[in-house]
Amino acid sequence: MCQMKAVQVLVKKQIPLSPFRKDATADMKTIHDSRFAIHVPRFILALLFTLHPSLFTGFAQVKTGADLLFEKHFHLVQGKRVGLVTNHTGVLSDGRHLADVFYEHQNVTLVALFGPEHGIRGQAAAGDEVGHGVDKRTGVPAYSLYGATYKPTPDMLKEIEILLFDIQDVGARFYTYISTMSYAMEAAAEQGIPFVVLDRPNPIRGTWVEGFVREDTLRSFVSLHPIPVAHGMTMGELATMFNEEGWLKDGIKANLTVVRMEGWKREMWYDQTGLRWAAPSPNIKTLSTAVVYPGTCLVEGTNLSEGRGTERPFEYIAAPFIDGDVLASRLNSLALPGVVFKAIEVVPREIPGVVTNPKHDGVASRGVFVAVTNRDSYEPVKTAVYLIATARNLYPSHFQWRQRSIDLLSGTPRFRQALDADWSPEEITALWASEAKKFGEIRSQHLLY
């Protein structure tokens, strides 16, 4: 009963809940109603938030574009025939899926759904082609944008008056939801259909920019636009940049509207937003996985396992030929910021709906657990460069590139070529400094928060 009273006061007074924000400290000293007071030391709240951020979930500090569409911007869809590009992350703060809400709403006609990699309801494994069909919950056509086509066709869009996009991103260039958004924008522009992005947080902060900028010769579905591996932008900001920089096909521009979030700050990690975490894809189940993903996804371009088929994908890096103790010791000697490496032994296995045919399937593999100790100082892409370089140097007769894959993921052949030429990790990471600075100048023109 006392807890319920405290919640009501927090919501009414809109007290900031992140103990890491300077303006939150005074308000968090005392939480009270008219009958009692609860005195909680700030350091205890900070500790609880760090160890168990889920305890604070529900105290809506950040409002997403999806929620604000209904609160303040419903005119965009009222009376319209709507198409929706979404997946299982497209939910309102009360947990309802946007597709279901549109379908049941008397002032909106849901015409079609479009799903990215993993499908509209997020049930397909990574890389699995998804076919067209009918959404079982709404009965409306469900078109796949990760199968026969990546881009909505004119026929798919013919009855649509407005096309909306609502998908949670993870903040990395090669996460394919970015490309899905770009192609959907392009298709809408070609058909003269307004395009609306319902914005959501960048879960690993909107401040971190790191890695090579994708070169033009390596344009692909995992690297569609010339941005770094970690871009530090929201989907709404990316859409604005793609549009204004003329990066859509033939420089066409969409009639773009971004429904901005409220309450989001660029330095926020996802667990500081008050929003419930919904795993963006089957192998990124937790925020801790998303933190390392921009770096360790590069391991997919080698014959090392990136942890798919284990309990910690992208956090476990292993192979049958590795000595985990040796690799962990060598990496820890480098004293990389915000991370330690722990020796592990795992057996990757196929997991239905999560991963098919993982590397070293059924074979005992040894390696390291990438354990982030300070996420604010951790540098995911730099760390991955050191990790790959160290594994290559320790096991030169076993280590192999998946050449096309590593070039597409890193966005350049220079990473692979530099390591093969025995460049040091310091020299390699220095290569992207000027690129990141140039991108930063472009990026700064399109930030919305």
Protein backbone atom coordinates (compact mmCIF):
# COMPACT_ATOMS: atom_id res chain seq x y z
CA MET A 1 0.00 0.00 0.00
CA CYS A 2 2.83 2.37 0.90
CA GLN A 3 4.58 1.57 -2.37
CA MET A 4 1.47 2.41 -4.37
CA LYS A 5 1.22 5.80 -2.67
CA ALA A 6 4.84 6.55 -3.47
CA VAL A 7 4.33 5.66 -7.10
CA GLN A 8 1.39 7.99 -7.39
CA VAL A 9 3.43 10.90 -6.09
CA LEU A 10 6.31 10.12 -8.43
CA VAL A 11 4.06 10.12 -11.44
CA LYS A 12 2.18 13.22 -10.39
CA LYS A 13 5.30 15.27 -9.63
CA GLN A 14 7.30 13.80 -12.55
CA ILE A 15 10.35 13.21 -10.37
CA PRO A 16 13.32 12.12 -12.50
CA LEU A 17 14.25 8.55 -11.69
CA SER A 18 17.78 8.21 -12.97
CA PRO A 19 20.19 8.64 -10.05
CA PHE A 20 22.87 9.47 -12.61
CA ARG A 21 21.22 12.75 -13.58
CA LYS A 22 22.38 15.75 -11.58
CA ASP A 23 18.89 17.25 -11.45
CA ALA A 24 17.47 14.06 -9.94
CA THR A 25 19.41 14.02 -6.69
CA ALA A 26 17.41 16.58 -4.75
CA ASP A 27 14.04 15.11 -5.64
CA MET A 28 15.14 11.56 -4.86
CA LYS A 29 16.19 12.34 -1.29
CA THR A 30 12.65 12.15 -0.01
CA ILE A 31 9.54 10.58 -1.47
CA HIS A 32 6.39 11.31 0.50
CA ASP A 33 2.63 11.76 0.50
CA SER A 34 0.38 13.60 2.97
CA ARG A 35 0.51 10.81 5.60
CA PHE A 36 4.10 9.53 5.66
CA ALA A 37 7.61 10.01 4.40
CA ILE A 38 10.14 7.54 3.04
CA HIS A 39 13.72 8.68 3.42
CA VAL A 40 16.06 6.86 1.04
CA PRO A 41 19.76 7.74 0.81
CA ARG A 42 20.77 8.64 -2.74
CA PHE A 43 23.58 6.09 -2.87
CA ILE A 44 21.13 3.26 -2.08
CA LEU A 45 18.84 4.34 -4.92
CA ALA A 46 21.82 4.55 -7.27
CA LEU A 47 22.97 1.07 -6.23
CA LEU A 48 19.49 -0.39 -6.70
CA PHE A 49 19.16 1.24 -10.10
CA THR A 50 22.55 -0.11 -11.20
CA LEU A 51 21.95 -3.67 -9.99
CA HIS A 52 18.25 -3.96 -10.69
CA PRO A 53 17.08 -1.32 -13.20
CA SER A 54 13.91 -3.36 -13.77
CA LEU A 55 12.70 -2.18 -10.32
CA PHE A 56 12.27 1.28 -11.82
CA THR A 57 10.56 0.12 -15.02
CA GLY A 58 7.13 1.62 -15.37
CA PHE A 59 8.02 5.05 -13.98
CA ALA A 60 7.70 6.45 -17.50
CA GLN A 61 10.43 9.02 -17.77
CA VAL A 62 10.69 8.74 -21.56
CA LYS A 63 7.71 8.73 -23.90
CA THR A 64 8.23 7.08 -27.26
CA GLY A 65 6.94 8.34 -30.58
CA ALA A 66 4.36 5.56 -30.59
CA ASP A 67 2.79 6.73 -27.33
CA LEU A 68 2.94 10.38 -28.38
CA LEU A 69 1.24 9.55 -31.68
CA PHE A 70 -1.94 8.88 -29.72
CA GLU A 71 -1.41 11.63 -27.15
CA LYS A 72 -0.52 14.54 -29.43
CA HIS A 73 -0.24 13.58 -33.09
CA PHE A 74 -3.22 11.40 -33.88
CA HIS A 75 -4.20 13.76 -36.69
CA LEU A 76 -1.44 12.14 -38.75
CA VAL A 77 -3.39 8.89 -39.01
CA GLN A 78 -6.98 9.82 -38.21
CA GLY A 79 -9.32 8.60 -40.93
CA LYS A 80 -6.36 7.25 -42.94
CA ARG A 81 -5.58 3.92 -44.54
CA VAL A 82 -2.38 3.02 -42.74
CA GLY A 83 0.57 0.80 -43.57
CA LEU A 84 2.87 -0.11 -40.69
CA VAL A 85 6.50 -1.26 -40.81
CA THR A 86 7.07 -2.89 -37.45
CA ASN A 87 7.98 -5.95 -35.43
CA HIS A 88 7.51 -7.23 -31.88
CA THR A 89 9.22 -4.12 -30.44
CA GLY A 90 6.51 -1.80 -31.80
CA VAL A 91 4.58 -1.58 -28.55
CA LEU A 92 3.02 1.17 -26.48
CA SER A 93 4.01 1.77 -22.86
CA ASP A 94 1.08 -0.36 -21.71
CA GLY A 95 2.44 -3.35 -23.64
CA ARG A 96 -0.07 -3.34 -26.51
CA HIS A 97 1.33 -3.86 -29.99
CA LEU A 98 0.78 -0.90 -32.30
CA ALA A 99 -0.65 -3.14 -35.03
CA ASP A 100 -3.29 -4.46 -32.65
CA VAL A 101 -4.19 -0.96 -31.47
CA PHE A 102 -4.57 0.31 -35.03
CA TYR A 103 -6.64 -2.70 -36.02
CA GLU A 104 -9.08 -2.15 -33.16
CA HIS A 105 -9.24 1.64 -33.51
CA GLN A 106 -12.44 2.92 -35.13
CA ASN A 107 -10.74 5.98 -36.66
CA VAL A 108 -7.89 4.15 -38.39
CA THR A 109 -7.91 1.49 -41.10
CA LEU A 110 -4.90 -0.82 -40.92
CA VAL A 111 -4.29 -1.87 -44.52
CA ALA A 112 -1.00 -3.76 -44.40
CA LEU A 113 1.92 -4.74 -42.19
CA PHE A 114 5.57 -4.91 -43.24
CA GLY A 115 8.12 -6.91 -41.28
CA PRO A 116 11.94 -6.68 -41.18
CA GLU A 117 14.45 -9.46 -40.47
CA HIS A 118 12.95 -11.84 -37.86
CA GLY A 119 9.41 -11.02 -39.01
CA ILE A 120 6.56 -8.83 -37.80
CA ARG A 121 6.17 -10.71 -34.53
CA GLY A 122 9.93 -11.34 -34.17
CA GLN A 123 9.81 -15.13 -34.32
CA ALA A 124 12.26 -15.92 -37.16
CA ALA A 125 15.90 -16.80 -36.52
CA ALA A 126 18.74 -14.54 -37.64
CA GLY A 127 19.25 -14.65 -41.39
CA ASP A 128 16.18 -16.82 -42.05
CA GLU A 129 14.18 -15.66 -45.05
CA VAL A 130 10.66 -14.62 -44.12
CA GLY A 131 7.75 -15.02 -46.51
CA HIS A 132 4.60 -12.99 -47.12
CA GLY A 133 1.38 -14.00 -45.43
CA VAL A 134 -1.45 -12.81 -43.21
CA ASP A 135 -0.93 -11.58 -39.66
CA LYS A 136 -2.78 -14.02 -37.42
CA ARG A 137 -3.81 -11.45 -34.83
CA THR A 138 -5.23 -8.82 -37.19
CA GLY A 139 -5.96 -10.74 -40.37
CA VAL A 140 -4.36 -8.05 -42.54
CA PRO A 141 -1.72 -8.77 -45.23
CA ALA A 142 1.76 -9.14 -43.75
CA TYR A 143 4.55 -8.46 -46.23
CA SER A 144 8.13 -9.51 -45.59
CA LEU A 145 10.92 -7.05 -46.24
CA TYR A 146 13.51 -9.74 -45.56
CA GLY A 147 12.93 -12.32 -48.25
CA ALA A 148 12.09 -11.95 -51.91
CA THR A 149 12.34 -8.17 -51.56
CA TYR A 150 13.83 -5.67 -49.12
CA LYS A 151 11.68 -2.83 -50.42
CA PRO A 152 7.88 -2.46 -50.51
CA THR A 153 6.59 -2.77 -54.07
CA PRO A 154 4.06 -0.37 -55.60
CA ASP A 155 1.46 -3.13 -55.46
CA MET A 156 2.00 -3.56 -51.71
CA LEU A 157 1.51 0.18 -51.21
CA LYS A 158 -1.39 0.82 -53.57
CA GLU A 159 -4.12 1.16 -50.92
CA ILE A 160 -1.99 2.96 -48.32
CA GLU A 161 -2.38 6.67 -47.56
CA ILE A 162 0.37 6.91 -44.95
CA LEU A 163 3.25 4.59 -44.05
CA LEU A 164 4.52 4.42 -40.46
CA PHE A 165 7.75 2.95 -39.11
CA ASP A 166 8.07 1.78 -35.49
CA ILE A 167 10.98 -0.56 -34.68
CA GLN A 168 13.53 -0.51 -31.87
CA ASP A 169 17.12 -0.23 -33.14
CA VAL A 170 20.34 -1.17 -31.29
CA GLY A 171 22.66 1.60 -32.46
CA ALA A 172 24.89 -0.30 -34.92
CA ARG A 173 25.19 0.29 -38.67
CA PHE A 174 24.93 -3.36 -39.66
CA TYR A 175 21.70 -3.95 -37.74
CA THR A 176 19.37 -4.46 -40.70
CA TYR A 177 16.38 -2.54 -39.35
CA ILE A 178 18.13 0.64 -40.49
CA SER A 179 18.20 -0.57 -44.09
CA THR A 180 14.57 -1.68 -43.87
CA MET A 181 13.59 1.84 -42.81
CA SER A 182 15.62 3.40 -45.62
CA TYR A 183 14.07 1.21 -48.32
CA ALA A 184 10.57 1.80 -46.93
CA MET A 185 11.17 5.57 -46.99
CA GLU A 186 12.38 5.31 -50.56
CA ALA A 187 9.35 3.30 -51.66
CA ALA A 188 6.97 5.73 -49.96
CA ALA A 189 8.69 8.68 -51.63
CA GLU A 190 8.40 7.07 -55.06
CA GLN A 191 4.67 6.56 -54.56
CA GLY A 192 4.02 9.97 -53.02
CA ILE A 193 3.02 8.48 -49.66
CA PRO A 194 3.88 10.38 -46.44
CA PHE A 195 6.31 8.50 -44.21
CA VAL A 196 6.27 8.76 -40.41
CA VAL A 197 8.95 7.50 -38.03
CA LEU A 198 7.80 6.91 -34.45
CA ASP A 199 11.08 7.49 -32.67
CA ARG A 200 12.62 5.29 -29.97
CA PRO A 201 15.84 5.54 -27.93
CA ASN A 202 19.24 4.48 -29.10
CA PRO A 203 19.70 1.89 -26.32
CA ILE A 204 23.49 2.31 -26.09
CA ARG A 205 23.28 6.13 -25.85
CA GLY A 206 22.99 8.77 -28.51
CA THR A 207 26.53 9.98 -27.95
CA TRP A 208 28.80 7.12 -29.01
CA VAL A 209 30.37 7.24 -32.49
CA GLU A 210 33.04 4.66 -33.33
CA GLY A 211 34.40 2.56 -36.19
CA PHE A 212 35.01 2.82 -39.90
CA VAL A 213 32.59 4.67 -42.16
CA ARG A 214 31.23 2.33 -44.83
CA GLU A 215 32.96 2.72 -48.20
CA ASP A 216 30.85 3.10 -51.35
CA THR A 217 32.10 -0.16 -52.93
CA LEU A 218 30.72 -2.12 -49.96
CA ARG A 219 27.15 -0.88 -50.03
CA SER A 220 24.90 -3.74 -48.95
CA PHE A 221 21.87 -4.51 -46.82
CA VAL A 222 24.09 -4.62 -43.72
CA SER A 223 25.88 -1.40 -44.67
CA LEU A 224 23.50 0.63 -46.80
CA HIS A 225 24.71 4.15 -46.00
CA PRO A 226 28.11 5.78 -45.27
CA ILE A 227 27.95 5.84 -41.49
CA PRO A 228 30.28 4.40 -38.80
CA VAL A 229 29.66 1.12 -37.02
CA ALA A 230 28.35 2.92 -33.91
CA HIS A 231 26.46 5.99 -35.13
CA GLY A 232 25.05 7.49 -31.92
CA MET A 233 21.70 8.39 -33.48
CA THR A 234 18.04 7.45 -33.13
CA MET A 235 16.03 6.01 -36.01
CA GLY A 236 14.26 9.34 -36.44
CA GLU A 237 17.59 11.13 -36.71
CA LEU A 238 18.93 8.56 -39.17
CA ALA A 239 15.80 8.94 -41.31
CA THR A 240 16.26 12.71 -41.30
CA MET A 241 19.90 12.36 -42.33
CA PHE A 242 19.16 9.86 -45.12
CA ASN A 243 16.48 12.19 -46.45
CA GLU A 244 18.29 15.51 -46.18
CA GLU A 245 21.66 14.22 -47.39
CA GLY A 246 20.08 12.79 -50.54
CA TRP A 247 21.07 9.22 -49.70
CA LEU A 248 17.86 7.64 -50.96
CA LYS A 249 17.83 6.29 -54.53
CA ASP A 250 18.45 9.01 -57.12
CA GLY A 251 18.35 11.60 -54.33
CA ILE A 252 14.58 11.31 -53.95
CA LYS A 253 13.18 12.83 -50.77
CA ALA A 254 10.40 11.39 -48.66
CA ASN A 255 7.58 13.45 -47.17
CA LEU A 256 9.03 12.66 -43.75
CA THR A 257 7.63 13.30 -40.29
CA VAL A 258 9.43 12.19 -37.14
CA VAL A 259 7.29 11.91 -34.01
CA ARG A 260 9.94 12.75 -31.45
CA MET A 261 10.28 11.26 -28.01
CA GLU A 262 9.82 13.26 -24.85
CA GLY A 263 12.17 13.02 -21.89
CA TRP A 264 15.02 11.24 -23.70
CA LYS A 265 18.54 12.55 -23.17
CA ARG A 266 21.44 11.57 -25.41
CA GLU A 267 23.55 10.22 -22.56
CA MET A 268 20.85 7.79 -21.42
CA TRP A 269 21.33 4.05 -21.55
CA TYR A 270 18.12 2.15 -22.20
CA ASP A 271 17.72 1.04 -18.59
CA GLN A 272 17.69 4.70 -17.55
CA THR A 273 14.64 5.53 -19.68
CA GLY A 274 11.95 3.84 -17.61
CA LEU A 275 10.91 1.86 -20.70
CA ARG A 276 10.50 -1.90 -20.68
CA TRP A 277 13.19 -3.79 -22.57
CA ALA A 278 11.95 -5.85 -25.51
CA ALA A 279 14.72 -7.91 -27.10
CA PRO A 280 15.16 -6.28 -30.55
CA SER A 281 16.12 -9.66 -32.06
CA PRO A 282 16.51 -13.26 -30.84
CA ASN A 283 20.25 -12.97 -30.20
CA ILE A 284 20.13 -9.61 -28.45
CA LYS A 285 18.11 -10.59 -25.42
CA THR A 286 19.61 -8.11 -22.98
CA LEU A 287 21.00 -4.60 -22.88
CA SER A 288 24.40 -6.03 -21.91
CA THR A 289 24.44 -7.85 -25.26
CA ALA A 290 23.54 -4.65 -27.09
CA VAL A 291 26.45 -2.88 -25.36
CA VAL A 292 29.06 -5.24 -26.86
CA TYR A 293 27.28 -5.95 -30.16
CA PRO A 294 28.73 -3.07 -32.27
CA GLY A 295 32.16 -4.60 -31.69
CA THR A 296 31.79 -8.33 -31.32
CA CYS A 297 29.48 -8.65 -34.32
CA LEU A 298 32.68 -8.18 -36.32
CA VAL A 299 33.69 -11.65 -35.13
CA GLU A 300 31.08 -12.98 -37.58
CA GLY A 301 33.65 -12.13 -40.25
CA THR A 302 36.09 -14.72 -38.84
CA ASN A 303 36.03 -18.44 -38.04
CA LEU A 304 35.65 -17.66 -34.35
CA SER A 305 32.22 -18.20 -32.84
CA GLU A 306 30.51 -14.93 -31.90
CA GLY A 307 28.52 -16.82 -29.29
CA ARG A 308 25.43 -17.66 -31.32
CA GLY A 309 24.02 -20.89 -29.98
CA THR A 310 25.21 -20.17 -26.43
CA GLU A 311 23.57 -18.43 -23.49
CA ARG A 312 25.47 -15.20 -24.18
CA PRO A 313 25.61 -14.43 -27.90
CA PHE A 314 28.14 -11.71 -28.78
CA GLU A 315 29.49 -11.80 -25.22
CA TYR A 316 31.10 -15.24 -25.62
CA ILE A 317 33.85 -15.48 -28.23
CA ALA A 318 35.27 -18.97 -28.75
CA ALA A 319 36.70 -21.60 -31.09
CA PRO A 320 37.92 -25.22 -30.71
CA PHE A 321 41.54 -24.16 -31.26
CA ILE A 322 41.64 -21.43 -28.60
CA ASP A 323 43.05 -21.74 -25.08
CA GLY A 324 40.69 -19.54 -23.10
CA ASP A 325 43.09 -18.90 -20.23
CA VAL A 326 45.82 -17.78 -22.59
CA LEU A 327 43.54 -15.51 -24.63
CA ALA A 328 41.97 -13.98 -21.51
CA SER A 329 45.38 -13.35 -19.94
CA ARG A 330 46.76 -11.73 -23.08
CA LEU A 331 43.70 -9.48 -23.49
CA ASN A 332 43.59 -8.48 -19.81
CA SER A 333 47.24 -7.46 -20.01
CA LEU A 334 46.20 -4.76 -22.47
CA ALA A 335 44.10 -3.04 -19.77
CA LEU A 336 41.40 -1.99 -22.22
CA PRO A 337 38.95 0.48 -20.65
CA GLY A 338 35.73 -0.79 -19.07
CA VAL A 339 36.18 -4.51 -19.76
CA VAL A 340 37.75 -7.69 -18.43
CA PHE A 341 37.99 -11.05 -20.15
CA LYS A 342 37.15 -14.34 -18.46
CA ALA A 343 38.06 -17.78 -19.79
CA ILE A 344 35.09 -19.90 -20.85
CA GLU A 345 34.28 -23.23 -22.46
CA VAL A 346 31.04 -23.59 -24.42
CA VAL A 347 29.36 -25.89 -26.91
CA PRO A 348 27.39 -23.86 -29.48
CA ARG A 349 24.16 -25.56 -30.48
CA GLU A 350 21.27 -24.80 -32.80
CA ILE A 351 18.38 -23.12 -30.99
CA PRO A 352 15.01 -23.18 -32.81
CA GLY A 353 13.77 -19.68 -33.54
CA VAL A 354 17.07 -18.15 -32.44
CA VAL A 355 19.95 -19.55 -34.49
CA THR A 356 20.39 -22.21 -37.14
CA ASN A 357 23.72 -23.84 -37.94
CA PRO A 358 25.89 -21.83 -35.54
CA LYS A 359 29.66 -21.90 -35.93
CA HIS A 360 31.27 -24.98 -34.34
CA ASP A 361 27.83 -26.50 -33.78
CA GLY A 362 28.10 -29.24 -31.14
CA VAL A 363 31.87 -28.83 -30.77
CA ALA A 364 33.48 -27.87 -27.46
CA SER A 365 35.00 -24.43 -27.90
CA ARG A 366 37.11 -22.31 -25.59
CA GLY A 367 37.54 -18.57 -25.48
CA VAL A 368 36.55 -15.51 -23.48
CA PHE A 369 33.55 -13.85 -21.95
CA VAL A 370 33.65 -10.13 -22.78
CA ALA A 371 32.59 -8.80 -19.38
CA VAL A 372 31.91 -5.07 -19.40
CA THR A 373 32.79 -3.51 -16.05
CA ASN A 374 32.20 0.14 -16.92
CA ARG A 375 29.94 0.69 -19.88
CA ASP A 376 30.58 4.45 -19.92
CA SER A 377 34.28 3.99 -20.66
CA TYR A 378 33.98 0.79 -22.70
CA GLU A 379 34.81 1.11 -26.40
CA PRO A 380 33.10 -1.80 -28.20
CA VAL A 381 34.62 -1.49 -31.69
CA LYS A 382 38.13 -0.78 -30.45
CA THR A 383 37.85 -3.73 -28.06
CA ALA A 384 36.81 -6.02 -30.91
CA VAL A 385 39.80 -4.92 -32.99
CA TYR A 386 42.15 -5.87 -30.15
CA LEU A 387 40.31 -9.14 -29.56
CA ILE A 388 40.45 -10.23 -33.20
CA ALA A 389 44.04 -9.11 -33.59
CA THR A 390 45.10 -10.98 -30.46
CA ALA A 391 43.34 -14.21 -31.50
CA ARG A 392 44.89 -13.97 -34.95
CA ASN A 393 48.37 -13.47 -33.52
CA LEU A 394 48.04 -16.31 -31.01
CA TYR A 395 46.62 -18.82 -33.49
CA PRO A 396 47.89 -17.82 -36.96
CA SER A 397 47.65 -21.33 -38.40
CA HIS A 398 44.01 -21.71 -37.34
CA PHE A 399 42.54 -18.20 -37.62
CA GLN A 400 40.66 -17.48 -40.84
CA TRP A 401 38.75 -14.57 -42.30
CA ARG A 402 35.35 -14.79 -43.89
CA GLN A 403 36.55 -12.15 -46.29
CA ARG A 404 33.34 -10.89 -47.80
CA SER A 405 31.63 -10.89 -44.42
CA ILE A 406 34.34 -9.00 -42.52
CA ASP A 407 34.61 -6.36 -45.22
CA LEU A 408 30.86 -5.79 -45.27
CA LEU A 409 30.61 -5.61 -41.49
CA SER A 410 33.60 -3.35 -40.95
CA GLY A 411 32.60 -1.30 -44.01
CA THR A 412 36.07 -1.43 -45.51
CA PRO A 413 38.73 -3.93 -46.64
CA ARG A 414 41.32 -1.84 -44.79
CA PHE A 415 40.65 -3.50 -41.43
CA ARG A 416 41.36 -6.98 -42.77
CA GLN A 417 44.24 -5.82 -44.94
CA ALA A 418 45.89 -3.92 -42.10
CA LEU A 419 45.80 -6.91 -39.76
CA ASP A 420 47.16 -9.15 -42.50
CA ALA A 421 49.99 -6.63 -42.93
CA ASP A 422 50.70 -6.90 -39.17
CA TRP A 423 49.51 -3.42 -38.33
CA SER A 424 48.97 -2.91 -34.62
CA PRO A 425 45.45 -2.38 -33.22
CA GLU A 426 46.50 1.17 -32.29
CA GLU A 427 47.36 1.92 -35.90
CA ILE A 428 44.10 0.39 -37.13
CA THR A 429 41.83 2.29 -34.74
CA ALA A 430 43.63 5.52 -35.68
CA LEU A 431 42.51 4.99 -39.27
CA TRP A 432 38.88 5.85 -38.55
CA ALA A 433 39.55 9.02 -36.52
CA SER A 434 39.33 11.44 -39.45
CA GLU A 435 36.33 9.57 -40.89
CA ALA A 436 34.47 9.78 -37.60
CA LYS A 437 35.20 13.51 -37.37
CA LYS A 438 33.85 14.13 -40.87
CA PHE A 439 30.76 12.05 -40.16
CA GLY A 440 30.28 13.94 -36.91
CA GLU A 441 29.97 17.19 -38.84
CA ILE A 442 27.19 15.71 -40.98
CA ARG A 443 25.56 13.99 -38.02
CA SER A 444 25.37 17.19 -35.98
CA GLN A 445 23.06 18.76 -38.55
CA HIS A 446 20.41 16.09 -38.09
CA LEU A 447 20.24 15.55 -34.32
CA LEU A 448 16.75 16.05 -32.92
CA TYR A 449 17.51 15.94 -29.19
